[in-house]
N, C-alpha and C. Protein backbone atom coordinates (compact mmCIF):
# COMPACT_ATOMS: atom_id res chain seq x y z
N MET A 1 7.81 -6.88 -21.69
CA MET A 1 7.48 -6.47 -20.30
C MET A 1 8.60 -5.83 -19.64
N THR A 2 8.43 -4.75 -18.92
CA THR A 2 9.50 -4.00 -18.36
C THR A 2 9.81 -4.70 -16.97
N ILE A 3 11.11 -4.80 -16.71
CA ILE A 3 11.62 -5.35 -15.49
C ILE A 3 12.53 -4.31 -14.80
N LYS A 4 12.14 -3.89 -13.60
CA LYS A 4 12.91 -2.96 -12.86
C LYS A 4 14.02 -3.68 -12.07
N ILE A 5 15.21 -3.25 -12.16
CA ILE A 5 16.35 -3.85 -11.42
C ILE A 5 16.69 -3.03 -10.24
N LYS A 6 16.62 -3.57 -9.07
CA LYS A 6 16.94 -2.87 -7.80
C LYS A 6 18.09 -3.56 -7.14
N ILE A 7 19.10 -2.81 -6.79
CA ILE A 7 20.32 -3.42 -6.06
C ILE A 7 20.61 -2.62 -4.78
N SER A 8 20.52 -3.34 -3.70
CA SER A 8 20.82 -2.75 -2.34
C SER A 8 22.15 -3.16 -1.90
N LYS A 9 23.08 -2.23 -1.62
CA LYS A 9 24.41 -2.53 -1.15
C LYS A 9 24.44 -2.80 0.36
N LYS A 10 23.67 -2.02 1.11
CA LYS A 10 23.58 -2.16 2.55
C LYS A 10 22.55 -3.27 2.90
N PRO A 11 22.78 -4.00 3.97
CA PRO A 11 21.80 -5.08 4.32
C PRO A 11 20.40 -4.50 4.59
N VAL A 12 19.38 -5.29 4.14
CA VAL A 12 18.01 -4.80 4.28
C VAL A 12 17.32 -5.76 5.31
N GLU A 13 16.55 -5.23 6.22
CA GLU A 13 15.86 -6.01 7.22
C GLU A 13 14.83 -6.87 6.51
N TYR A 14 14.77 -8.13 6.97
CA TYR A 14 13.98 -9.13 6.30
C TYR A 14 12.55 -8.69 6.08
N ARG A 15 11.92 -8.29 7.14
CA ARG A 15 10.47 -7.98 7.01
C ARG A 15 10.21 -6.74 6.11
N LYS A 16 11.15 -5.81 6.15
CA LYS A 16 11.04 -4.68 5.31
C LYS A 16 11.07 -5.09 3.84
N ALA A 17 12.00 -6.03 3.55
CA ALA A 17 12.12 -6.54 2.19
C ALA A 17 10.90 -7.24 1.69
N ILE A 18 10.33 -8.10 2.57
CA ILE A 18 9.11 -8.88 2.15
C ILE A 18 7.88 -7.97 2.00
N ASN A 19 7.83 -6.97 2.87
CA ASN A 19 6.69 -5.98 2.77
C ASN A 19 6.78 -5.25 1.44
N LEU A 20 8.01 -4.90 0.98
CA LEU A 20 8.17 -4.21 -0.26
C LEU A 20 7.64 -5.19 -1.50
N LEU A 21 8.07 -6.42 -1.34
CA LEU A 21 7.66 -7.43 -2.35
C LEU A 21 6.19 -7.56 -2.44
N GLU A 22 5.58 -7.72 -1.26
CA GLU A 22 4.14 -7.91 -1.18
C GLU A 22 3.40 -6.68 -1.64
N ASN A 23 3.86 -5.45 -1.38
CA ASN A 23 3.22 -4.23 -1.91
C ASN A 23 3.31 -4.31 -3.45
N ASN A 24 4.37 -4.68 -3.98
CA ASN A 24 4.46 -4.80 -5.50
C ASN A 24 3.48 -5.78 -6.00
N VAL A 25 3.37 -6.95 -5.33
CA VAL A 25 2.37 -7.97 -5.76
C VAL A 25 1.00 -7.41 -5.72
N ASN A 26 0.65 -6.70 -4.67
CA ASN A 26 -0.74 -6.18 -4.55
C ASN A 26 -1.12 -5.16 -5.68
N LYS A 27 -0.02 -4.34 -5.93
CA LYS A 27 -0.25 -3.29 -6.94
C LYS A 27 -0.33 -3.95 -8.40
N MET A 28 0.47 -5.00 -8.56
CA MET A 28 0.44 -5.73 -9.85
C MET A 28 -0.80 -6.50 -10.10
N SER A 29 -1.46 -6.93 -8.99
CA SER A 29 -2.67 -7.65 -9.12
C SER A 29 -3.85 -6.73 -9.64
N VAL A 30 -3.63 -5.47 -9.45
CA VAL A 30 -4.61 -4.39 -9.92
C VAL A 30 -4.26 -3.91 -11.27
N ASN A 31 -2.90 -3.68 -11.42
CA ASN A 31 -2.40 -3.16 -12.66
C ASN A 31 -1.41 -4.20 -13.31
N SER A 32 -1.91 -4.99 -14.24
CA SER A 32 -1.02 -6.03 -14.84
C SER A 32 0.13 -5.43 -15.69
N ASN A 33 -0.02 -4.18 -16.00
CA ASN A 33 1.11 -3.54 -16.80
C ASN A 33 2.19 -2.94 -15.93
N MET A 34 2.09 -3.11 -14.67
CA MET A 34 3.11 -2.59 -13.79
C MET A 34 4.44 -3.37 -14.03
N PRO A 35 5.56 -2.60 -13.95
CA PRO A 35 6.87 -3.24 -14.23
C PRO A 35 7.12 -4.42 -13.18
N GLU A 36 7.69 -5.48 -13.58
CA GLU A 36 8.14 -6.58 -12.76
C GLU A 36 9.39 -6.11 -11.97
N LEU A 37 9.79 -6.88 -11.07
CA LEU A 37 10.94 -6.46 -10.24
C LEU A 37 11.95 -7.56 -10.04
N VAL A 38 13.20 -7.24 -10.18
CA VAL A 38 14.32 -8.08 -9.71
C VAL A 38 15.15 -7.27 -8.65
N TRP A 39 15.40 -7.84 -7.52
CA TRP A 39 15.98 -7.09 -6.41
C TRP A 39 17.10 -8.02 -5.81
N VAL A 40 18.31 -7.54 -5.90
CA VAL A 40 19.41 -8.30 -5.35
C VAL A 40 19.90 -7.49 -4.10
N LEU A 41 20.05 -8.23 -2.97
CA LEU A 41 20.33 -7.64 -1.68
C LEU A 41 21.03 -8.61 -0.78
N LYS A 42 21.20 -8.20 0.48
CA LYS A 42 21.68 -9.10 1.48
C LYS A 42 20.92 -8.74 2.78
N HIS A 43 20.88 -9.74 3.67
CA HIS A 43 20.25 -9.57 5.00
C HIS A 43 21.28 -9.71 6.05
N ASN A 44 21.07 -9.08 7.21
CA ASN A 44 21.77 -9.38 8.43
C ASN A 44 21.31 -10.76 8.83
N ASN A 45 22.11 -11.39 9.79
CA ASN A 45 21.86 -12.71 10.27
C ASN A 45 20.35 -12.89 10.65
N THR A 46 19.68 -13.75 9.98
CA THR A 46 18.24 -13.89 10.17
C THR A 46 17.86 -15.39 9.85
N PHE A 47 16.99 -15.94 10.76
CA PHE A 47 16.44 -17.27 10.57
C PHE A 47 15.02 -17.12 10.14
N THR A 48 14.63 -17.73 9.01
CA THR A 48 13.24 -17.59 8.54
C THR A 48 12.64 -19.04 8.35
N GLY A 49 11.39 -19.08 8.78
CA GLY A 49 10.70 -20.39 8.59
C GLY A 49 9.50 -20.31 7.62
N GLY A 50 9.63 -21.10 6.53
CA GLY A 50 8.57 -21.16 5.51
C GLY A 50 7.35 -21.81 5.96
N THR A 51 6.39 -22.03 5.07
CA THR A 51 5.09 -22.57 5.38
C THR A 51 5.09 -24.06 5.83
N SER A 52 6.22 -24.76 5.52
CA SER A 52 6.22 -26.17 5.93
C SER A 52 7.23 -26.53 6.98
N TYR A 53 7.75 -25.53 7.69
CA TYR A 53 8.80 -25.80 8.75
C TYR A 53 8.05 -26.20 10.02
N ILE A 54 8.71 -27.01 10.82
CA ILE A 54 8.18 -27.43 12.07
C ILE A 54 9.18 -27.08 13.27
N GLU A 55 8.67 -27.13 14.48
CA GLU A 55 9.49 -26.69 15.61
C GLU A 55 10.70 -27.53 15.81
N ASN A 56 10.60 -28.78 15.36
CA ASN A 56 11.85 -29.71 15.51
C ASN A 56 12.92 -29.27 14.56
N ASP A 57 12.68 -28.45 13.61
CA ASP A 57 13.70 -27.94 12.71
C ASP A 57 14.65 -27.00 13.43
N ILE A 58 14.19 -26.45 14.57
CA ILE A 58 14.97 -25.55 15.33
C ILE A 58 15.82 -26.28 16.45
N LEU A 59 17.12 -26.40 16.25
CA LEU A 59 17.93 -27.15 17.23
C LEU A 59 18.40 -26.28 18.36
N ASP A 60 18.72 -25.03 18.10
CA ASP A 60 19.05 -24.10 19.13
C ASP A 60 17.80 -23.20 19.48
N LYS A 61 17.21 -23.62 20.61
CA LYS A 61 15.93 -22.92 20.98
C LYS A 61 16.10 -21.50 21.37
N SER A 62 17.34 -21.00 21.44
CA SER A 62 17.52 -19.55 21.82
C SER A 62 17.38 -18.62 20.67
N ILE A 63 17.36 -19.15 19.38
CA ILE A 63 17.32 -18.29 18.21
C ILE A 63 15.85 -17.86 17.91
N ARG A 64 15.77 -16.77 17.29
CA ARG A 64 14.49 -16.25 16.89
C ARG A 64 14.18 -16.46 15.45
N VAL A 65 13.05 -17.10 15.18
CA VAL A 65 12.77 -17.44 13.79
C VAL A 65 11.61 -16.60 13.34
N ILE A 66 11.80 -15.95 12.12
CA ILE A 66 10.68 -15.15 11.53
C ILE A 66 9.85 -16.05 10.68
N LYS A 67 8.61 -16.10 10.97
CA LYS A 67 7.71 -16.95 10.18
C LYS A 67 7.34 -16.09 8.82
N THR A 68 7.40 -16.77 7.71
CA THR A 68 7.24 -16.13 6.45
C THR A 68 6.29 -16.91 5.59
N ASN A 69 5.74 -16.34 4.47
CA ASN A 69 4.74 -17.01 3.74
C ASN A 69 5.34 -17.75 2.48
N ARG A 70 6.60 -17.77 2.39
CA ARG A 70 7.19 -18.49 1.22
C ARG A 70 7.07 -20.02 1.49
N GLY A 71 7.24 -20.74 0.40
CA GLY A 71 7.25 -22.24 0.60
C GLY A 71 8.59 -22.63 1.24
N GLY A 72 8.62 -23.93 1.65
CA GLY A 72 9.86 -24.43 2.25
C GLY A 72 9.91 -24.39 3.74
N LYS A 73 11.01 -24.88 4.24
CA LYS A 73 11.12 -25.02 5.66
C LYS A 73 11.99 -23.89 6.28
N ILE A 74 12.85 -24.17 7.14
CA ILE A 74 13.65 -23.15 7.85
C ILE A 74 14.99 -22.96 7.13
N THR A 75 15.44 -21.63 7.11
CA THR A 75 16.80 -21.42 6.53
C THR A 75 17.40 -20.29 7.25
N PHE A 76 18.63 -19.98 6.83
CA PHE A 76 19.45 -18.90 7.39
C PHE A 76 19.81 -17.94 6.27
N HIS A 77 19.69 -16.62 6.65
CA HIS A 77 20.23 -15.57 5.73
C HIS A 77 21.26 -14.75 6.51
N GLY A 78 22.36 -14.32 5.85
CA GLY A 78 23.30 -13.53 6.56
C GLY A 78 24.42 -13.09 5.68
N SER A 79 25.46 -12.48 6.30
CA SER A 79 26.67 -11.99 5.58
C SER A 79 27.31 -13.12 4.80
N GLY A 80 27.77 -12.75 3.59
CA GLY A 80 28.40 -13.76 2.73
C GLY A 80 27.43 -14.48 1.83
N GLN A 81 26.17 -13.97 1.76
CA GLN A 81 25.12 -14.70 1.04
C GLN A 81 24.51 -13.68 0.05
N LEU A 82 24.24 -14.09 -1.14
CA LEU A 82 23.61 -13.26 -2.22
C LEU A 82 22.13 -13.68 -2.13
N ILE A 83 21.25 -12.66 -2.02
CA ILE A 83 19.82 -12.83 -2.04
C ILE A 83 19.29 -12.22 -3.39
N PHE A 84 18.48 -13.03 -3.99
CA PHE A 84 17.95 -12.69 -5.32
C PHE A 84 16.42 -12.79 -5.21
N TYR A 85 15.77 -11.66 -5.01
CA TYR A 85 14.26 -11.54 -4.93
C TYR A 85 13.71 -11.08 -6.31
N PHE A 86 12.39 -11.37 -6.44
CA PHE A 86 11.77 -10.92 -7.70
C PHE A 86 10.22 -10.88 -7.47
N VAL A 87 9.60 -10.07 -8.32
CA VAL A 87 8.10 -10.16 -8.38
C VAL A 87 7.85 -10.30 -9.85
N ILE A 88 7.38 -11.52 -10.30
CA ILE A 88 7.17 -11.79 -11.76
C ILE A 88 5.67 -12.21 -12.01
N ASN A 89 5.13 -11.60 -13.02
CA ASN A 89 3.72 -11.78 -13.31
C ASN A 89 3.60 -12.90 -14.31
N LEU A 90 3.25 -14.12 -13.86
CA LEU A 90 3.03 -15.25 -14.74
C LEU A 90 1.86 -15.16 -15.60
N ASN A 91 0.94 -14.24 -15.28
CA ASN A 91 -0.23 -14.00 -16.13
C ASN A 91 0.14 -13.50 -17.52
N ASN A 92 1.28 -12.82 -17.53
CA ASN A 92 1.81 -12.22 -18.79
C ASN A 92 2.83 -13.13 -19.40
N ARG A 93 3.09 -14.31 -18.80
CA ARG A 93 4.11 -15.16 -19.31
C ARG A 93 3.52 -16.60 -19.49
N LYS A 94 3.76 -17.43 -18.51
CA LYS A 94 3.26 -18.83 -18.59
C LYS A 94 2.79 -19.21 -17.18
N LYS A 95 1.48 -19.59 -17.10
CA LYS A 95 0.91 -20.00 -15.78
C LYS A 95 1.34 -21.35 -15.42
N ASP A 96 2.63 -21.53 -15.07
CA ASP A 96 3.20 -22.86 -14.80
C ASP A 96 4.30 -22.71 -13.83
N ILE A 97 4.10 -23.03 -12.55
CA ILE A 97 5.07 -22.79 -11.47
C ILE A 97 6.20 -23.74 -11.67
N ARG A 98 5.95 -24.92 -12.14
CA ARG A 98 7.08 -25.85 -12.41
C ARG A 98 8.11 -25.35 -13.46
N TRP A 99 7.48 -24.77 -14.50
CA TRP A 99 8.27 -24.11 -15.50
C TRP A 99 9.16 -23.02 -14.90
N PHE A 100 8.52 -22.21 -14.01
CA PHE A 100 9.30 -21.14 -13.38
C PHE A 100 10.39 -21.65 -12.42
N ILE A 101 10.17 -22.72 -11.73
CA ILE A 101 11.16 -23.23 -10.88
C ILE A 101 12.40 -23.71 -11.68
N LYS A 102 12.05 -24.46 -12.79
CA LYS A 102 13.10 -24.94 -13.67
C LYS A 102 13.89 -23.69 -14.27
N LEU A 103 13.21 -22.60 -14.55
CA LEU A 103 13.81 -21.45 -15.05
C LEU A 103 14.87 -20.90 -14.03
N ILE A 104 14.46 -20.81 -12.77
CA ILE A 104 15.36 -20.42 -11.76
C ILE A 104 16.57 -21.33 -11.63
N GLU A 105 16.29 -22.63 -11.64
CA GLU A 105 17.44 -23.63 -11.47
C GLU A 105 18.38 -23.46 -12.67
N LYS A 106 17.86 -23.29 -13.89
CA LYS A 106 18.63 -23.12 -15.08
C LYS A 106 19.47 -21.86 -14.99
N THR A 107 18.89 -20.79 -14.42
CA THR A 107 19.62 -19.54 -14.33
C THR A 107 20.85 -19.70 -13.43
N ILE A 108 20.69 -20.33 -12.28
CA ILE A 108 21.80 -20.51 -11.33
C ILE A 108 22.83 -21.47 -11.94
N ILE A 109 22.34 -22.63 -12.47
CA ILE A 109 23.28 -23.57 -13.06
C ILE A 109 24.08 -23.07 -14.15
N ASP A 110 23.42 -22.35 -15.07
CA ASP A 110 24.12 -21.77 -16.23
C ASP A 110 25.13 -20.66 -15.78
N THR A 111 24.78 -19.91 -14.76
CA THR A 111 25.70 -18.86 -14.23
C THR A 111 26.94 -19.43 -13.58
N LEU A 112 26.70 -20.50 -12.71
CA LEU A 112 27.83 -21.11 -12.07
C LEU A 112 28.71 -21.75 -13.05
N LYS A 113 28.14 -22.29 -14.15
CA LYS A 113 28.98 -22.89 -15.20
C LYS A 113 29.95 -21.91 -15.81
N GLU A 114 29.56 -20.62 -15.86
CA GLU A 114 30.51 -19.60 -16.34
C GLU A 114 31.73 -19.40 -15.40
N PHE A 115 31.61 -19.92 -14.19
CA PHE A 115 32.69 -19.83 -13.19
C PHE A 115 33.40 -21.20 -13.14
N LYS A 116 33.05 -22.13 -14.16
CA LYS A 116 33.51 -23.43 -14.21
C LYS A 116 33.18 -24.21 -12.89
N ILE A 117 31.96 -24.08 -12.41
CA ILE A 117 31.41 -24.75 -11.33
C ILE A 117 30.21 -25.58 -11.86
N LYS A 118 30.29 -26.89 -11.68
CA LYS A 118 29.19 -27.79 -12.12
C LYS A 118 28.27 -27.94 -10.94
N SER A 119 27.03 -27.51 -11.15
CA SER A 119 25.97 -27.67 -10.19
C SER A 119 24.78 -28.35 -10.82
N PHE A 120 23.79 -28.74 -9.99
CA PHE A 120 22.62 -29.51 -10.44
C PHE A 120 21.47 -29.34 -9.51
N SER A 121 20.28 -29.60 -9.96
CA SER A 121 19.06 -29.51 -9.13
C SER A 121 18.73 -30.98 -8.64
N ASP A 122 17.78 -31.04 -7.76
CA ASP A 122 17.35 -32.21 -7.18
C ASP A 122 15.84 -32.23 -7.02
N LYS A 123 15.12 -33.21 -7.53
CA LYS A 123 13.67 -33.22 -7.50
C LYS A 123 13.16 -33.38 -6.06
N LYS A 124 13.90 -34.16 -5.26
CA LYS A 124 13.44 -34.40 -3.80
C LYS A 124 13.69 -33.16 -2.92
N ASN A 125 14.82 -32.51 -3.17
CA ASN A 125 15.23 -31.41 -2.34
C ASN A 125 15.47 -30.14 -3.22
N ILE A 126 14.46 -29.35 -3.31
CA ILE A 126 14.60 -28.18 -4.19
C ILE A 126 15.74 -27.30 -3.82
N GLY A 127 16.52 -26.79 -4.84
CA GLY A 127 17.65 -25.96 -4.56
C GLY A 127 18.76 -26.39 -5.59
N ILE A 128 19.92 -25.78 -5.30
CA ILE A 128 21.06 -26.03 -6.22
C ILE A 128 22.13 -26.74 -5.47
N TRP A 129 22.69 -27.78 -6.05
CA TRP A 129 23.62 -28.69 -5.42
C TRP A 129 24.96 -28.75 -6.18
N ILE A 130 25.98 -29.19 -5.46
CA ILE A 130 27.29 -29.41 -6.08
C ILE A 130 27.88 -30.70 -5.48
N LYS A 131 28.98 -31.19 -6.05
CA LYS A 131 29.66 -32.30 -5.47
C LYS A 131 30.95 -31.81 -4.83
N GLN A 132 31.20 -32.03 -3.58
CA GLN A 132 32.30 -31.55 -2.84
C GLN A 132 32.94 -32.75 -2.21
N LYS A 133 34.16 -33.13 -2.64
CA LYS A 133 34.84 -34.31 -2.17
C LYS A 133 33.93 -35.57 -2.18
N ASN A 134 33.28 -35.66 -3.33
CA ASN A 134 32.32 -36.83 -3.63
C ASN A 134 31.14 -36.81 -2.78
N LYS A 135 30.85 -35.68 -2.10
CA LYS A 135 29.59 -35.61 -1.29
C LYS A 135 28.70 -34.48 -1.85
N LYS A 136 27.40 -34.83 -1.85
CA LYS A 136 26.47 -33.88 -2.42
C LYS A 136 26.19 -32.73 -1.33
N LYS A 137 26.46 -31.46 -1.76
CA LYS A 137 26.23 -30.33 -0.84
C LYS A 137 25.32 -29.26 -1.48
N LYS A 138 24.64 -28.63 -0.67
CA LYS A 138 23.67 -27.65 -1.19
C LYS A 138 24.30 -26.31 -0.99
N VAL A 139 24.19 -25.49 -2.16
CA VAL A 139 24.83 -24.15 -2.16
C VAL A 139 23.82 -23.08 -2.49
N GLY A 140 22.60 -23.49 -2.94
CA GLY A 140 21.57 -22.49 -3.24
C GLY A 140 20.23 -22.91 -2.83
N ALA A 141 19.52 -22.01 -2.24
CA ALA A 141 18.12 -22.36 -1.69
C ALA A 141 17.08 -21.55 -2.48
N ILE A 142 15.96 -22.21 -2.69
CA ILE A 142 14.82 -21.51 -3.45
C ILE A 142 13.60 -21.59 -2.62
N GLY A 143 12.89 -20.46 -2.52
CA GLY A 143 11.65 -20.35 -1.77
C GLY A 143 10.70 -19.35 -2.44
N LEU A 144 9.50 -19.86 -2.77
CA LEU A 144 8.56 -19.04 -3.59
C LEU A 144 7.23 -18.95 -2.89
N LYS A 145 6.51 -17.89 -3.32
CA LYS A 145 5.11 -17.69 -2.94
C LYS A 145 4.39 -17.26 -4.25
N ILE A 146 3.19 -17.81 -4.49
CA ILE A 146 2.50 -17.37 -5.68
C ILE A 146 1.12 -16.89 -5.28
N LYS A 147 0.74 -15.78 -5.83
CA LYS A 147 -0.58 -15.17 -5.46
C LYS A 147 -1.12 -14.55 -6.74
N LYS A 148 -2.32 -15.11 -7.09
CA LYS A 148 -3.01 -14.69 -8.40
C LYS A 148 -2.09 -14.77 -9.57
N TRP A 149 -1.24 -15.80 -9.60
CA TRP A 149 -0.25 -16.08 -10.61
C TRP A 149 0.89 -15.00 -10.73
N ILE A 150 1.04 -14.31 -9.59
CA ILE A 150 2.25 -13.47 -9.46
C ILE A 150 3.15 -14.10 -8.46
N VAL A 151 4.42 -14.44 -8.89
CA VAL A 151 5.35 -15.19 -8.06
C VAL A 151 6.34 -14.25 -7.48
N PHE A 152 6.67 -14.44 -6.17
CA PHE A 152 7.61 -13.62 -5.48
C PHE A 152 8.41 -14.38 -4.43
N HIS A 153 9.25 -13.71 -3.72
CA HIS A 153 10.31 -14.20 -2.90
C HIS A 153 11.45 -14.50 -3.90
N GLY A 154 12.23 -15.65 -3.75
CA GLY A 154 13.34 -15.86 -4.64
C GLY A 154 14.27 -16.91 -4.24
N PHE A 155 15.55 -16.71 -4.40
CA PHE A 155 16.53 -17.63 -4.03
C PHE A 155 17.79 -16.97 -3.40
N SER A 156 18.61 -17.88 -2.73
CA SER A 156 19.86 -17.30 -2.12
C SER A 156 21.01 -18.29 -2.52
N ILE A 157 22.17 -17.72 -2.59
CA ILE A 157 23.39 -18.50 -2.98
C ILE A 157 24.46 -18.15 -1.75
N ASN A 158 25.03 -19.25 -1.31
CA ASN A 158 26.08 -18.97 -0.27
C ASN A 158 27.42 -18.80 -0.97
N LEU A 159 28.06 -17.68 -0.66
CA LEU A 159 29.39 -17.37 -1.18
C LEU A 159 30.44 -17.66 -0.12
N ASN A 160 30.26 -17.00 1.08
CA ASN A 160 31.22 -17.27 2.15
C ASN A 160 30.48 -17.07 3.53
N VAL A 161 29.41 -17.74 3.63
CA VAL A 161 28.57 -17.63 4.86
C VAL A 161 29.27 -18.36 6.04
N ASP A 162 29.12 -17.91 7.24
CA ASP A 162 29.59 -18.63 8.40
C ASP A 162 28.62 -19.81 8.60
N LEU A 163 29.14 -20.97 8.24
CA LEU A 163 28.24 -22.18 8.19
C LEU A 163 27.87 -22.73 9.58
N ASN A 164 28.51 -22.15 10.61
CA ASN A 164 28.14 -22.56 11.97
C ASN A 164 26.70 -22.14 12.32
N ASN A 165 26.16 -21.13 11.65
CA ASN A 165 24.76 -20.73 11.79
C ASN A 165 23.78 -21.80 11.47
N TYR A 166 24.19 -22.66 10.47
CA TYR A 166 23.33 -23.68 10.01
C TYR A 166 23.24 -24.87 11.06
N LYS A 167 24.17 -24.85 11.94
CA LYS A 167 24.16 -25.93 12.99
C LYS A 167 23.06 -25.73 14.00
N LYS A 168 22.50 -24.55 13.99
CA LYS A 168 21.46 -24.20 14.98
C LYS A 168 20.05 -24.65 14.48
N ILE A 169 20.03 -25.16 13.22
CA ILE A 169 18.64 -25.50 12.61
C ILE A 169 18.88 -26.74 11.72
N LYS A 170 17.76 -27.23 11.24
CA LYS A 170 17.82 -28.24 10.16
C LYS A 170 17.55 -27.51 8.83
N PRO A 171 18.49 -26.92 8.21
CA PRO A 171 18.23 -26.13 7.03
C PRO A 171 17.54 -26.89 5.90
N CYS A 172 16.35 -26.38 5.59
CA CYS A 172 15.54 -27.02 4.57
C CYS A 172 15.28 -28.54 4.97
N GLY A 173 15.30 -28.77 6.24
CA GLY A 173 14.99 -30.08 6.79
C GLY A 173 16.22 -31.01 6.68
N LEU A 174 17.40 -30.44 6.33
CA LEU A 174 18.55 -31.26 6.14
C LEU A 174 19.54 -31.15 7.31
N ASN A 175 20.52 -32.04 7.37
CA ASN A 175 21.63 -31.96 8.28
C ASN A 175 22.53 -30.78 7.89
N SER A 176 22.98 -29.98 8.79
CA SER A 176 23.71 -28.75 8.45
C SER A 176 25.05 -29.08 7.68
N SER A 177 25.52 -30.32 7.81
CA SER A 177 26.72 -30.76 7.10
C SER A 177 26.57 -30.74 5.53
N LYS A 178 25.27 -30.70 5.16
CA LYS A 178 24.98 -30.75 3.69
C LYS A 178 24.94 -29.32 3.05
N ILE A 179 25.27 -28.31 3.80
CA ILE A 179 25.24 -26.93 3.29
C ILE A 179 26.69 -26.49 3.12
N THR A 180 27.05 -25.90 2.04
CA THR A 180 28.39 -25.35 1.78
C THR A 180 28.38 -23.99 1.08
N ASN A 181 29.54 -23.48 0.89
CA ASN A 181 29.82 -22.17 0.28
C ASN A 181 30.47 -22.35 -1.10
N LEU A 182 30.22 -21.36 -1.97
CA LEU A 182 30.91 -21.36 -3.28
C LEU A 182 32.45 -21.25 -3.18
N ASN A 183 32.88 -20.48 -2.20
CA ASN A 183 34.35 -20.24 -2.06
C ASN A 183 35.05 -21.51 -1.53
N GLU A 184 34.30 -22.45 -1.05
CA GLU A 184 34.93 -23.70 -0.65
C GLU A 184 35.00 -24.67 -1.84
N ILE A 185 34.38 -24.28 -2.95
CA ILE A 185 34.35 -25.10 -4.10
C ILE A 185 35.46 -24.64 -5.09
N LYS A 186 35.50 -23.32 -5.20
CA LYS A 186 36.45 -22.73 -6.15
C LYS A 186 36.95 -21.42 -5.62
N ASN A 187 38.28 -21.18 -5.63
CA ASN A 187 38.88 -19.99 -5.11
C ASN A 187 38.96 -18.96 -6.18
N VAL A 188 37.86 -18.32 -6.55
CA VAL A 188 37.89 -17.29 -7.51
C VAL A 188 36.98 -16.17 -7.00
N LYS A 189 37.11 -14.98 -7.70
CA LYS A 189 36.33 -13.85 -7.31
C LYS A 189 34.90 -13.97 -7.90
N PHE A 190 33.92 -13.71 -7.05
CA PHE A 190 32.49 -13.77 -7.57
C PHE A 190 31.91 -12.42 -7.61
N ASP A 191 32.73 -11.45 -7.90
CA ASP A 191 32.27 -10.01 -7.85
C ASP A 191 31.16 -9.84 -8.95
N ASN A 192 31.26 -10.46 -10.03
CA ASN A 192 30.26 -10.19 -11.12
C ASN A 192 29.18 -11.35 -11.09
N LEU A 193 29.06 -12.12 -10.06
CA LEU A 193 28.05 -13.20 -10.07
C LEU A 193 26.69 -12.51 -10.07
N ARG A 194 26.53 -11.45 -9.34
CA ARG A 194 25.18 -10.82 -9.23
C ARG A 194 24.71 -10.34 -10.66
N ASP A 195 25.60 -9.70 -11.37
CA ASP A 195 25.26 -9.26 -12.71
C ASP A 195 24.96 -10.31 -13.71
N LYS A 196 25.74 -11.37 -13.61
CA LYS A 196 25.49 -12.51 -14.51
C LYS A 196 24.20 -13.17 -14.19
N LEU A 197 23.87 -13.31 -12.92
CA LEU A 197 22.51 -13.91 -12.54
C LEU A 197 21.39 -13.08 -13.06
N ILE A 198 21.48 -11.76 -12.89
CA ILE A 198 20.39 -10.90 -13.46
C ILE A 198 20.21 -11.07 -15.01
N ALA A 199 21.40 -11.03 -15.65
CA ALA A 199 21.35 -11.13 -17.12
C ALA A 199 20.77 -12.48 -17.56
N ASN A 200 21.25 -13.61 -16.89
CA ASN A 200 20.74 -14.93 -17.30
C ASN A 200 19.20 -15.10 -17.01
N PHE A 201 18.87 -14.58 -15.83
CA PHE A 201 17.43 -14.72 -15.40
C PHE A 201 16.54 -14.02 -16.37
N ILE A 202 16.87 -12.80 -16.76
CA ILE A 202 16.07 -12.03 -17.66
C ILE A 202 16.01 -12.66 -19.06
N ASN A 203 17.14 -13.20 -19.46
CA ASN A 203 17.27 -13.86 -20.76
C ASN A 203 16.35 -15.13 -20.76
N ASN A 204 16.43 -15.87 -19.68
CA ASN A 204 15.62 -17.10 -19.63
C ASN A 204 14.12 -16.81 -19.61
N LEU A 205 13.74 -15.65 -18.99
CA LEU A 205 12.35 -15.16 -18.94
C LEU A 205 11.86 -14.89 -20.45
N LYS A 206 12.74 -14.50 -21.20
CA LYS A 206 12.37 -14.09 -22.59
C LYS A 206 12.20 -15.33 -23.53
N ASN A 207 12.88 -16.45 -23.10
CA ASN A 207 12.88 -17.61 -23.97
C ASN A 207 11.76 -18.64 -23.56
């Protein structure tokens, strides 16, 4: 199966990005041979609320939250964060969303391991976690939507985000103190993180 790789260097407006993903999903539901998509990008500062977020998750009532159809609660996207979106047709692979979530987790965990960063998943709180000064901190968020067994949206990884933005919300229903950045874990260059994530994701899809 062909996978199209799309990389955007300039920030993409959130709604514009989701519209593109949804258009791909609609086309794929008609043409199952349509190439799948992996899209790595970044957003300007944006708060988004998934299908299970509640108003109490907003601590700063002055912020604007964009409601979206992905699973999960409220989160923040902005500068210093890597966004990894995709449109993957599980009809041509395995109709098992749990398998796919584990595939995403494995992709991130294996990739961070290449940077000598130990990370792990959590059954209760979906995402990728690390230990920072003996405290469990979240560094990667996952949010998905599935339609006719075509899965889209994706995950984000914090590199050097201004963590003060998380104080305005309960990110993924958590206290903001549980969110961290990769550069606070290890002082290394993450320039090739994007390419390693893409390679590992595609490789995991094949296995």
